[in-house]
Amino acid sequence: MSIALPLGLPARETLAAERVEVLTKDDLRRRPGRPLRICLVNLMPNKIVTEAQFCRLLGGTSIAVDATLCVPDSYQPKTTPAAHLAAFYRPWSAIRHEVFDGLVVTGAPIETLPFEDVTYWSGLCAIFDWAKAHIAHSMYICWAAQAALHHFRAVPKHPLRAKLSGIYLHRVSRGDSHLLKGFGDRFPVPVSRHTEVRAADLPACAGLTILADSADAGLCLLEDRENRAVYMFNHLEYDALTLRDEFLRDRLAGKPAEIPANYFPEDDPARTPENVWRPIAHLLFRNWLGEVQRTASPREIGGPLFDESWFSPMQENPAPHAAAKANLSVVL
């Protein structure tokens, strides 16, 4: 695998330590084929960790990706140094006229707040509307999935009795979806939420399709044909120790924190958990990027959007894009 990252971004060291070849942006430009442009809106508090998690997945295929790190204009970080954002992130207003093939928006630890009370809510809604108008494929993660679904469909979120944390087995409910190709019938997913979206609240006849859910953890993956969006309510991007770190952080802060379910061996926090979901995480992003690539073509903002047939049952693509055969590379 090869990945191109800007000099100074901490993810360079992380991925290089995993024996990933790190390239420069110029290296990518010299390679044949057009890379996919992906906008990554990172709302998580530990930007550096989250960058590595998503870069690992976006860079886990043979498809070349040119990724841009972004935040809403009104976003003010509380834990990330301003110098880090200034060096590696761009405000949405600075990129709104650029062309992107896909959008990924991460979760944020603000679930208990009403959506309209989030300080950057208006800026985030502007990104949602921009994506609907100009980007053919969007993936919203955890709180961002709840937020986008609320914005587009007025679907409410509901507080849980206690934080839902652990590894839960989920059922594939639409095996004919492009996104779930190769998943099998069931797959494990890290869950870390204080709130939930309920299937009973989804508006009928709105083109919403439940792709995966769990009897214990509820909705997991939902597609929205009209808005060309995928809502993932959980955290396949998590590292092996992310749930452990959250658990210890909550305990140190004096918050009620139950041991994450199905996570520590024999429920012993002193033992190291195994990352059993990493193959599924790579598979989901491989399938998603594959569909982005399959429908991608040169275009301009305001021009026609991509083919939406990726929402229909899978069909063989007789002429895969040449870039799929190229070496893996990602640019930030």
Foldseek 3Di string as FASTA:
>chain_A
DEAEEDPPQPLVVVVVVVVHHYHHPVVVVVDDDDAAEEEEEEAEQPVSVVVNLVSCQLLLALGEYEYAYEYAPQDDHDRDDPVVCVVGYDHCVVCLFPAGAEYEYEAYPPVVDDLVPPRRSVRVLVVLVSCLQGYQAYEYEANRLQSSCCSVPVFHKAFDPDWAFAKAKKAFPDCQALLCVPVPGIAIFTATDRIGTAPVRGDPPQQKDQGMAGPPGGGAWIAGLSSNYIYGNGPLSDDLCPSLVVQVVCVVVVHDHDQHPPFAVVSDSVGGGDSRSNVVSSSSSVSRVQVSQVFDDDDGRVDDYTDSCSRPGDDDDPDRDPSSPHGGYYYD
